[in-house]
N, C-alpha and C. Protein backbone atom coordinates (compact mmCIF):
# COMPACT_ATOMS: atom_id res chain seq x y z
N MET A 1 -214.44 40.90 -29.06
CA MET A 1 -215.52 40.87 -30.00
C MET A 1 -215.45 39.56 -30.79
N SER A 2 -216.57 38.90 -30.90
CA SER A 2 -216.64 37.63 -31.61
C SER A 2 -217.04 37.88 -33.06
N TYR A 3 -216.60 37.00 -33.93
CA TYR A 3 -216.89 37.11 -35.35
C TYR A 3 -217.52 35.80 -35.79
N ASP A 4 -218.62 35.87 -36.55
CA ASP A 4 -219.28 34.66 -37.04
C ASP A 4 -218.46 34.01 -38.14
N LEU A 5 -218.00 32.81 -37.89
CA LEU A 5 -217.20 32.07 -38.87
C LEU A 5 -218.05 30.99 -39.51
N ASP A 6 -217.99 30.88 -40.82
CA ASP A 6 -218.66 29.77 -41.49
C ASP A 6 -217.64 28.66 -41.75
N GLU A 7 -218.08 27.59 -42.37
CA GLU A 7 -217.19 26.43 -42.58
C GLU A 7 -215.97 26.79 -43.44
N LEU A 8 -216.16 27.63 -44.44
CA LEU A 8 -215.04 28.03 -45.29
C LEU A 8 -214.01 28.83 -44.48
N ASP A 9 -214.49 29.77 -43.66
CA ASP A 9 -213.59 30.54 -42.80
C ASP A 9 -212.79 29.59 -41.90
N ARG A 10 -213.47 28.64 -41.30
CA ARG A 10 -212.82 27.69 -40.39
C ARG A 10 -211.76 26.87 -41.14
N MET A 11 -212.12 26.42 -42.31
CA MET A 11 -211.18 25.61 -43.10
C MET A 11 -209.94 26.43 -43.45
N ILE A 12 -210.15 27.67 -43.87
CA ILE A 12 -209.03 28.55 -44.22
C ILE A 12 -208.15 28.80 -43.00
N LEU A 13 -208.77 29.12 -41.87
CA LEU A 13 -208.01 29.39 -40.65
C LEU A 13 -207.21 28.18 -40.19
N ASN A 14 -207.83 27.02 -40.20
CA ASN A 14 -207.12 25.82 -39.77
C ASN A 14 -205.95 25.51 -40.70
N GLN A 15 -206.16 25.67 -42.00
CA GLN A 15 -205.09 25.41 -42.97
C GLN A 15 -203.94 26.40 -42.78
N LEU A 16 -204.25 27.68 -42.63
CA LEU A 16 -203.20 28.69 -42.48
C LEU A 16 -202.46 28.55 -41.15
N GLN A 17 -203.15 28.06 -40.11
CA GLN A 17 -202.46 27.84 -38.84
C GLN A 17 -201.51 26.65 -38.93
N THR A 18 -201.84 25.68 -39.76
CA THR A 18 -200.96 24.54 -39.98
C THR A 18 -199.74 24.98 -40.76
N ASN A 19 -199.97 25.78 -41.79
CA ASN A 19 -198.87 26.29 -42.61
C ASN A 19 -199.33 27.60 -43.24
N ALA A 20 -198.87 28.71 -42.70
CA ALA A 20 -199.28 30.03 -43.19
C ALA A 20 -198.80 30.31 -44.60
N ARG A 21 -197.90 29.49 -45.10
CA ARG A 21 -197.39 29.69 -46.45
C ARG A 21 -198.14 28.86 -47.49
N THR A 22 -199.21 28.20 -47.09
CA THR A 22 -200.00 27.42 -48.03
C THR A 22 -200.56 28.34 -49.11
N PRO A 23 -200.32 28.02 -50.36
CA PRO A 23 -200.86 28.88 -51.43
C PRO A 23 -202.39 28.92 -51.41
N PHE A 24 -202.93 30.10 -51.68
CA PHE A 24 -204.38 30.25 -51.72
C PHE A 24 -204.98 29.32 -52.77
N SER A 25 -204.22 29.05 -53.84
CA SER A 25 -204.74 28.15 -54.89
C SER A 25 -204.98 26.75 -54.35
N LYS A 26 -204.09 26.29 -53.47
CA LYS A 26 -204.25 24.95 -52.87
C LYS A 26 -205.46 24.92 -51.94
N ILE A 27 -205.59 25.97 -51.11
CA ILE A 27 -206.75 26.05 -50.20
C ILE A 27 -208.03 26.10 -51.01
N ALA A 28 -208.04 26.90 -52.08
CA ALA A 28 -209.22 27.03 -52.93
C ALA A 28 -209.62 25.69 -53.54
N LYS A 29 -208.63 24.95 -54.02
CA LYS A 29 -208.90 23.65 -54.64
C LYS A 29 -209.51 22.69 -53.61
N GLU A 30 -208.92 22.64 -52.40
CA GLU A 30 -209.44 21.75 -51.36
C GLU A 30 -210.84 22.16 -50.92
N ALA A 31 -211.13 23.46 -50.94
CA ALA A 31 -212.43 23.95 -50.48
C ALA A 31 -213.48 23.97 -51.60
N GLY A 32 -213.03 23.83 -52.84
CA GLY A 32 -213.96 23.86 -53.96
C GLY A 32 -214.47 25.26 -54.28
N VAL A 33 -213.62 26.25 -54.05
CA VAL A 33 -213.97 27.64 -54.36
C VAL A 33 -212.84 28.25 -55.18
N SER A 34 -213.04 29.47 -55.63
CA SER A 34 -212.01 30.13 -56.42
C SER A 34 -210.91 30.69 -55.52
N GLU A 35 -209.75 30.89 -56.13
CA GLU A 35 -208.62 31.49 -55.40
C GLU A 35 -208.98 32.91 -54.94
N ALA A 36 -209.75 33.62 -55.76
CA ALA A 36 -210.18 34.98 -55.40
C ALA A 36 -211.05 34.96 -54.14
N THR A 37 -211.90 33.94 -54.02
CA THR A 37 -212.75 33.81 -52.83
C THR A 37 -211.89 33.64 -51.59
N VAL A 38 -210.88 32.79 -51.67
CA VAL A 38 -209.99 32.57 -50.53
C VAL A 38 -209.26 33.87 -50.20
N PHE A 39 -208.75 34.56 -51.22
CA PHE A 39 -208.06 35.83 -51.01
C PHE A 39 -208.96 36.83 -50.28
N LEU A 40 -210.20 36.96 -50.75
CA LEU A 40 -211.13 37.92 -50.13
C LEU A 40 -211.48 37.51 -48.70
N ARG A 41 -211.64 36.22 -48.46
CA ARG A 41 -211.94 35.75 -47.10
C ARG A 41 -210.78 36.04 -46.16
N VAL A 42 -209.56 35.77 -46.61
CA VAL A 42 -208.39 36.02 -45.77
C VAL A 42 -208.28 37.51 -45.47
N ARG A 43 -208.49 38.33 -46.48
CA ARG A 43 -208.41 39.78 -46.27
C ARG A 43 -209.47 40.22 -45.26
N ARG A 44 -210.69 39.71 -45.37
CA ARG A 44 -211.75 40.06 -44.42
C ARG A 44 -211.40 39.57 -43.01
N LEU A 45 -210.84 38.36 -42.91
CA LEU A 45 -210.45 37.83 -41.60
C LEU A 45 -209.35 38.69 -40.98
N GLN A 46 -208.49 39.26 -41.80
CA GLN A 46 -207.46 40.17 -41.30
C GLN A 46 -208.08 41.50 -40.86
N GLN A 47 -208.95 42.05 -41.69
CA GLN A 47 -209.56 43.34 -41.41
C GLN A 47 -210.43 43.31 -40.16
N THR A 48 -211.06 42.18 -39.89
CA THR A 48 -211.92 42.07 -38.70
C THR A 48 -211.14 41.67 -37.45
N GLY A 49 -209.83 41.40 -37.62
CA GLY A 49 -208.99 41.06 -36.47
C GLY A 49 -208.97 39.60 -36.11
N VAL A 50 -209.68 38.75 -36.85
CA VAL A 50 -209.65 37.31 -36.58
C VAL A 50 -208.23 36.80 -36.81
N ILE A 51 -207.62 37.20 -37.93
CA ILE A 51 -206.22 36.89 -38.18
C ILE A 51 -205.42 38.10 -37.73
N LYS A 52 -204.58 37.91 -36.71
CA LYS A 52 -203.78 39.00 -36.18
C LYS A 52 -202.54 39.28 -37.01
N GLY A 53 -202.04 38.28 -37.70
CA GLY A 53 -200.85 38.47 -38.51
C GLY A 53 -200.26 37.14 -38.92
N PHE A 54 -199.21 37.22 -39.71
CA PHE A 54 -198.49 36.04 -40.16
C PHE A 54 -197.04 36.23 -39.76
N ARG A 55 -196.40 35.17 -39.22
CA ARG A 55 -195.01 35.30 -38.81
C ARG A 55 -194.35 33.93 -38.72
N ALA A 56 -193.03 33.97 -38.71
CA ALA A 56 -192.26 32.74 -38.52
C ALA A 56 -192.21 32.45 -37.03
N ILE A 57 -192.31 31.19 -36.66
CA ILE A 57 -192.21 30.79 -35.26
C ILE A 57 -190.79 30.26 -35.05
N VAL A 58 -190.03 30.97 -34.26
CA VAL A 58 -188.62 30.66 -34.05
C VAL A 58 -188.47 29.74 -32.83
N SER A 59 -187.63 28.74 -32.95
CA SER A 59 -187.34 27.83 -31.85
C SER A 59 -186.27 28.45 -30.96
N PRO A 60 -186.61 28.83 -29.72
CA PRO A 60 -185.61 29.48 -28.85
C PRO A 60 -184.28 28.73 -28.74
N PRO A 61 -184.26 27.40 -28.54
CA PRO A 61 -182.96 26.72 -28.43
C PRO A 61 -182.09 26.84 -29.68
N HIS A 62 -182.73 26.95 -30.84
CA HIS A 62 -181.97 27.05 -32.09
C HIS A 62 -181.33 28.41 -32.29
N VAL A 63 -181.69 29.38 -31.45
CA VAL A 63 -181.09 30.71 -31.55
C VAL A 63 -180.38 31.09 -30.24
N GLY A 64 -179.96 30.05 -29.51
CA GLY A 64 -179.16 30.29 -28.31
C GLY A 64 -179.92 30.58 -27.04
N ARG A 65 -181.21 30.32 -27.03
CA ARG A 65 -182.01 30.53 -25.81
C ARG A 65 -182.60 29.20 -25.36
N SER A 66 -181.76 28.39 -24.74
CA SER A 66 -182.16 27.02 -24.42
C SER A 66 -182.84 26.87 -23.07
N LEU A 67 -182.97 27.95 -22.31
CA LEU A 67 -183.61 27.87 -21.00
C LEU A 67 -184.85 28.76 -21.00
N SER A 68 -185.99 28.14 -20.69
CA SER A 68 -187.26 28.88 -20.58
C SER A 68 -187.73 28.81 -19.15
N ALA A 69 -188.39 29.87 -18.71
CA ALA A 69 -188.92 29.91 -17.35
C ALA A 69 -190.15 30.80 -17.32
N PHE A 70 -190.95 30.60 -16.29
CA PHE A 70 -192.09 31.47 -16.03
C PHE A 70 -191.80 32.22 -14.74
N ILE A 71 -191.99 33.52 -14.80
CA ILE A 71 -191.77 34.36 -13.62
C ILE A 71 -193.12 34.94 -13.23
N LEU A 72 -193.54 34.66 -12.00
CA LEU A 72 -194.79 35.18 -11.48
C LEU A 72 -194.45 36.42 -10.65
N VAL A 73 -195.14 37.51 -10.92
CA VAL A 73 -194.79 38.80 -10.33
C VAL A 73 -195.92 39.33 -9.47
N LYS A 74 -195.57 39.73 -8.24
CA LYS A 74 -196.49 40.48 -7.39
C LYS A 74 -196.03 41.93 -7.43
N ALA A 75 -197.01 42.84 -7.49
CA ALA A 75 -196.65 44.24 -7.64
C ALA A 75 -197.58 45.14 -6.85
N ASP A 76 -197.08 46.33 -6.58
CA ASP A 76 -197.88 47.38 -5.94
C ASP A 76 -198.83 47.92 -7.00
N PRO A 77 -200.14 47.85 -6.77
CA PRO A 77 -201.10 48.31 -7.79
C PRO A 77 -200.86 49.76 -8.22
N ARG A 78 -200.34 50.57 -7.34
CA ARG A 78 -200.11 51.99 -7.68
C ARG A 78 -198.94 52.16 -8.64
N LYS A 79 -198.07 51.17 -8.73
CA LYS A 79 -196.90 51.25 -9.61
C LYS A 79 -196.99 50.26 -10.78
N TYR A 80 -198.14 49.62 -10.91
CA TYR A 80 -198.28 48.53 -11.86
C TYR A 80 -198.01 48.96 -13.30
N SER A 81 -198.49 50.12 -13.70
CA SER A 81 -198.28 50.54 -15.10
C SER A 81 -196.80 50.73 -15.39
N GLU A 82 -196.02 51.19 -14.41
CA GLU A 82 -194.58 51.33 -14.61
C GLU A 82 -193.92 49.95 -14.74
N VAL A 83 -194.40 49.00 -13.93
CA VAL A 83 -193.87 47.63 -14.01
C VAL A 83 -194.13 47.07 -15.40
N LEU A 84 -195.34 47.26 -15.90
CA LEU A 84 -195.68 46.76 -17.24
C LEU A 84 -194.80 47.38 -18.31
N ASN A 85 -194.54 48.67 -18.20
CA ASN A 85 -193.70 49.34 -19.20
C ASN A 85 -192.30 48.76 -19.23
N VAL A 86 -191.72 48.46 -18.07
CA VAL A 86 -190.38 47.88 -18.04
C VAL A 86 -190.39 46.48 -18.63
N VAL A 87 -191.33 45.66 -18.19
CA VAL A 87 -191.40 44.26 -18.62
C VAL A 87 -191.62 44.14 -20.13
N LYS A 88 -192.49 44.98 -20.68
CA LYS A 88 -192.78 44.92 -22.12
C LYS A 88 -191.55 45.19 -22.97
N ASN A 89 -190.58 45.89 -22.42
CA ASN A 89 -189.39 46.26 -23.19
C ASN A 89 -188.20 45.34 -22.98
N LEU A 90 -188.36 44.27 -22.21
CA LEU A 90 -187.27 43.31 -22.00
C LEU A 90 -187.28 42.27 -23.12
N ASN A 91 -186.18 42.17 -23.85
CA ASN A 91 -186.11 41.21 -24.97
C ASN A 91 -186.27 39.77 -24.51
N GLU A 92 -185.85 39.47 -23.29
CA GLU A 92 -185.92 38.08 -22.79
C GLU A 92 -187.36 37.66 -22.51
N VAL A 93 -188.25 38.63 -22.29
CA VAL A 93 -189.66 38.32 -22.02
C VAL A 93 -190.35 38.07 -23.35
N THR A 94 -190.78 36.82 -23.57
CA THR A 94 -191.41 36.47 -24.84
C THR A 94 -192.94 36.43 -24.75
N GLU A 95 -193.46 36.35 -23.54
CA GLU A 95 -194.90 36.42 -23.32
C GLU A 95 -195.13 37.09 -21.97
N ALA A 96 -196.21 37.87 -21.88
CA ALA A 96 -196.55 38.52 -20.62
C ALA A 96 -198.07 38.56 -20.50
N TYR A 97 -198.57 38.14 -19.34
CA TYR A 97 -200.00 38.07 -19.12
C TYR A 97 -200.38 38.78 -17.82
N ASP A 98 -201.33 39.69 -17.91
CA ASP A 98 -201.93 40.34 -16.76
C ASP A 98 -203.01 39.37 -16.27
N VAL A 99 -202.89 38.90 -15.03
CA VAL A 99 -203.76 37.82 -14.56
C VAL A 99 -204.45 38.16 -13.24
N THR A 100 -205.43 37.35 -12.90
CA THR A 100 -206.09 37.46 -11.60
C THR A 100 -205.41 36.51 -10.62
N GLY A 101 -205.72 36.65 -9.36
CA GLY A 101 -205.16 35.76 -8.35
C GLY A 101 -204.08 36.45 -7.55
N PRO A 102 -203.24 35.67 -6.88
CA PRO A 102 -202.23 36.27 -6.00
C PRO A 102 -201.13 37.01 -6.74
N TYR A 103 -200.94 36.70 -8.03
CA TYR A 103 -199.92 37.38 -8.82
C TYR A 103 -200.60 38.34 -9.79
N TYR A 104 -199.90 39.38 -10.14
CA TYR A 104 -200.43 40.36 -11.06
C TYR A 104 -200.05 40.05 -12.51
N LEU A 105 -198.92 39.37 -12.66
CA LEU A 105 -198.33 39.22 -13.98
C LEU A 105 -197.62 37.88 -14.06
N ILE A 106 -197.78 37.19 -15.19
CA ILE A 106 -197.03 35.97 -15.45
C ILE A 106 -196.23 36.21 -16.73
N LEU A 107 -194.93 35.99 -16.63
CA LEU A 107 -194.02 36.23 -17.75
C LEU A 107 -193.38 34.93 -18.19
N ARG A 108 -193.25 34.76 -19.48
CA ARG A 108 -192.40 33.68 -20.00
C ARG A 108 -191.13 34.35 -20.47
N VAL A 109 -190.00 33.79 -20.06
CA VAL A 109 -188.72 34.31 -20.51
C VAL A 109 -187.95 33.17 -21.17
N ASP A 110 -187.21 33.52 -22.21
CA ASP A 110 -186.36 32.58 -22.91
C ASP A 110 -184.96 33.17 -22.90
N VAL A 111 -184.02 32.45 -22.26
CA VAL A 111 -182.66 32.95 -22.08
C VAL A 111 -181.65 31.86 -22.43
N ALA A 112 -180.38 32.26 -22.45
CA ALA A 112 -179.32 31.33 -22.84
C ALA A 112 -179.00 30.31 -21.75
N ASP A 113 -178.98 30.76 -20.48
CA ASP A 113 -178.51 29.88 -19.40
C ASP A 113 -178.99 30.39 -18.04
N LYS A 114 -178.60 29.67 -16.99
CA LYS A 114 -179.03 30.02 -15.63
C LYS A 114 -178.55 31.41 -15.22
N GLU A 115 -177.34 31.77 -15.63
CA GLU A 115 -176.82 33.09 -15.27
C GLU A 115 -177.66 34.20 -15.91
N SER A 116 -178.04 33.99 -17.15
CA SER A 116 -178.89 34.97 -17.84
C SER A 116 -180.26 35.07 -17.16
N LEU A 117 -180.79 33.92 -16.74
CA LEU A 117 -182.07 33.92 -16.03
C LEU A 117 -181.95 34.69 -14.72
N ALA A 118 -180.87 34.46 -13.99
CA ALA A 118 -180.67 35.17 -12.73
C ALA A 118 -180.64 36.68 -12.94
N LYS A 119 -179.99 37.12 -14.00
CA LYS A 119 -179.93 38.56 -14.30
C LYS A 119 -181.32 39.12 -14.58
N VAL A 120 -182.13 38.38 -15.34
CA VAL A 120 -183.49 38.84 -15.66
C VAL A 120 -184.34 38.89 -14.39
N ILE A 121 -184.24 37.86 -13.56
CA ILE A 121 -185.00 37.83 -12.30
C ILE A 121 -184.59 39.01 -11.42
N ASP A 122 -183.28 39.25 -11.31
CA ASP A 122 -182.80 40.38 -10.51
C ASP A 122 -183.29 41.71 -11.06
N LEU A 123 -183.27 41.83 -12.37
CA LEU A 123 -183.72 43.07 -13.01
C LEU A 123 -185.20 43.31 -12.73
N ILE A 124 -186.01 42.29 -12.93
CA ILE A 124 -187.45 42.43 -12.69
C ILE A 124 -187.70 42.72 -11.21
N GLY A 125 -186.99 42.02 -10.34
CA GLY A 125 -187.16 42.23 -8.90
C GLY A 125 -186.76 43.62 -8.45
N SER A 126 -185.89 44.28 -9.20
CA SER A 126 -185.43 45.61 -8.82
C SER A 126 -186.32 46.73 -9.36
N VAL A 127 -187.30 46.40 -10.17
CA VAL A 127 -188.20 47.42 -10.72
C VAL A 127 -189.05 47.97 -9.59
N GLU A 128 -189.11 49.30 -9.51
CA GLU A 128 -189.93 49.93 -8.47
C GLU A 128 -191.38 49.52 -8.66
N GLY A 129 -191.97 48.98 -7.62
CA GLY A 129 -193.35 48.51 -7.68
C GLY A 129 -193.45 47.00 -7.63
N VAL A 130 -192.37 46.28 -7.95
CA VAL A 130 -192.38 44.82 -7.86
C VAL A 130 -192.11 44.45 -6.41
N SER A 131 -193.06 43.75 -5.79
CA SER A 131 -192.88 43.37 -4.38
C SER A 131 -192.25 42.00 -4.23
N SER A 132 -192.49 41.09 -5.19
CA SER A 132 -191.85 39.78 -5.14
C SER A 132 -192.02 39.06 -6.48
N THR A 133 -191.17 38.06 -6.68
CA THR A 133 -191.29 37.21 -7.86
C THR A 133 -191.14 35.75 -7.44
N GLU A 134 -191.68 34.89 -8.25
CA GLU A 134 -191.50 33.45 -8.06
C GLU A 134 -191.22 32.89 -9.45
N THR A 135 -190.23 32.00 -9.55
CA THR A 135 -189.80 31.50 -10.85
C THR A 135 -189.95 29.99 -10.94
N ALA A 136 -190.43 29.55 -12.09
CA ALA A 136 -190.52 28.12 -12.39
C ALA A 136 -189.77 27.88 -13.69
N ILE A 137 -188.73 27.05 -13.64
CA ILE A 137 -187.96 26.72 -14.83
C ILE A 137 -188.65 25.60 -15.59
N VAL A 138 -188.74 25.75 -16.89
CA VAL A 138 -189.37 24.74 -17.74
C VAL A 138 -188.39 23.57 -17.91
N LEU A 139 -188.82 22.38 -17.53
CA LEU A 139 -188.00 21.18 -17.68
C LEU A 139 -188.19 20.56 -19.07
N LYS A 140 -189.44 20.54 -19.51
CA LYS A 140 -189.77 19.92 -20.78
C LYS A 140 -191.05 20.56 -21.30
N GLU A 141 -191.07 20.88 -22.57
CA GLU A 141 -192.28 21.42 -23.16
C GLU A 141 -193.19 20.25 -23.52
N VAL A 142 -194.36 20.23 -22.92
CA VAL A 142 -195.30 19.13 -23.14
C VAL A 142 -196.21 19.42 -24.32
N LYS A 143 -196.64 20.67 -24.41
CA LYS A 143 -197.51 21.06 -25.53
C LYS A 143 -197.29 22.54 -25.78
N GLU A 144 -197.06 22.87 -27.04
CA GLU A 144 -196.99 24.26 -27.44
C GLU A 144 -198.13 24.49 -28.40
N ASN A 145 -198.98 25.44 -28.08
CA ASN A 145 -200.14 25.69 -28.91
C ASN A 145 -200.01 27.07 -29.54
N VAL A 146 -199.52 27.13 -30.76
CA VAL A 146 -199.43 28.40 -31.44
C VAL A 146 -200.63 28.61 -32.36
N GLY A 147 -201.51 27.62 -32.40
CA GLY A 147 -202.71 27.73 -33.21
C GLY A 147 -203.93 27.50 -32.35
N LEU A 148 -205.08 27.79 -32.92
CA LEU A 148 -206.35 27.63 -32.22
C LEU A 148 -207.30 26.90 -33.15
N LYS A 149 -207.65 25.67 -32.82
CA LYS A 149 -208.56 24.88 -33.66
C LYS A 149 -209.93 25.56 -33.68
N VAL A 150 -210.37 25.91 -34.87
CA VAL A 150 -211.67 26.59 -34.99
C VAL A 150 -212.66 25.77 -35.79
């Protein structure tokens, strides 16, 4: 569902994506509106689902997960929901996407080392319904987009 955003909404969203801890008073001053207006706009953006939440973005290498990889999964459509249930509960899986094309699922995993990655790949490959996996190890992060320019 799409939501009609005006210039103030866009300004607030872009500012909060840059730094979610920006005081509403600072945003209000830059926008030329009251702090109460910014507060009400943010609350409405949350209630309508435009803002999904606020959280700290943790750097995987700084917490002992220096190896990232993408695992592409082929699965039996009849067992797919069971595959999803297992994958969603793996701590090493930091992102999971149900996709079109030759693969059913693309997973991002963040692990400590190659041995940990091998264990995750083996675990996923052993899930009933998974027919095959293909893994691509991340060599260098070129762009990380945790925000969406609006």
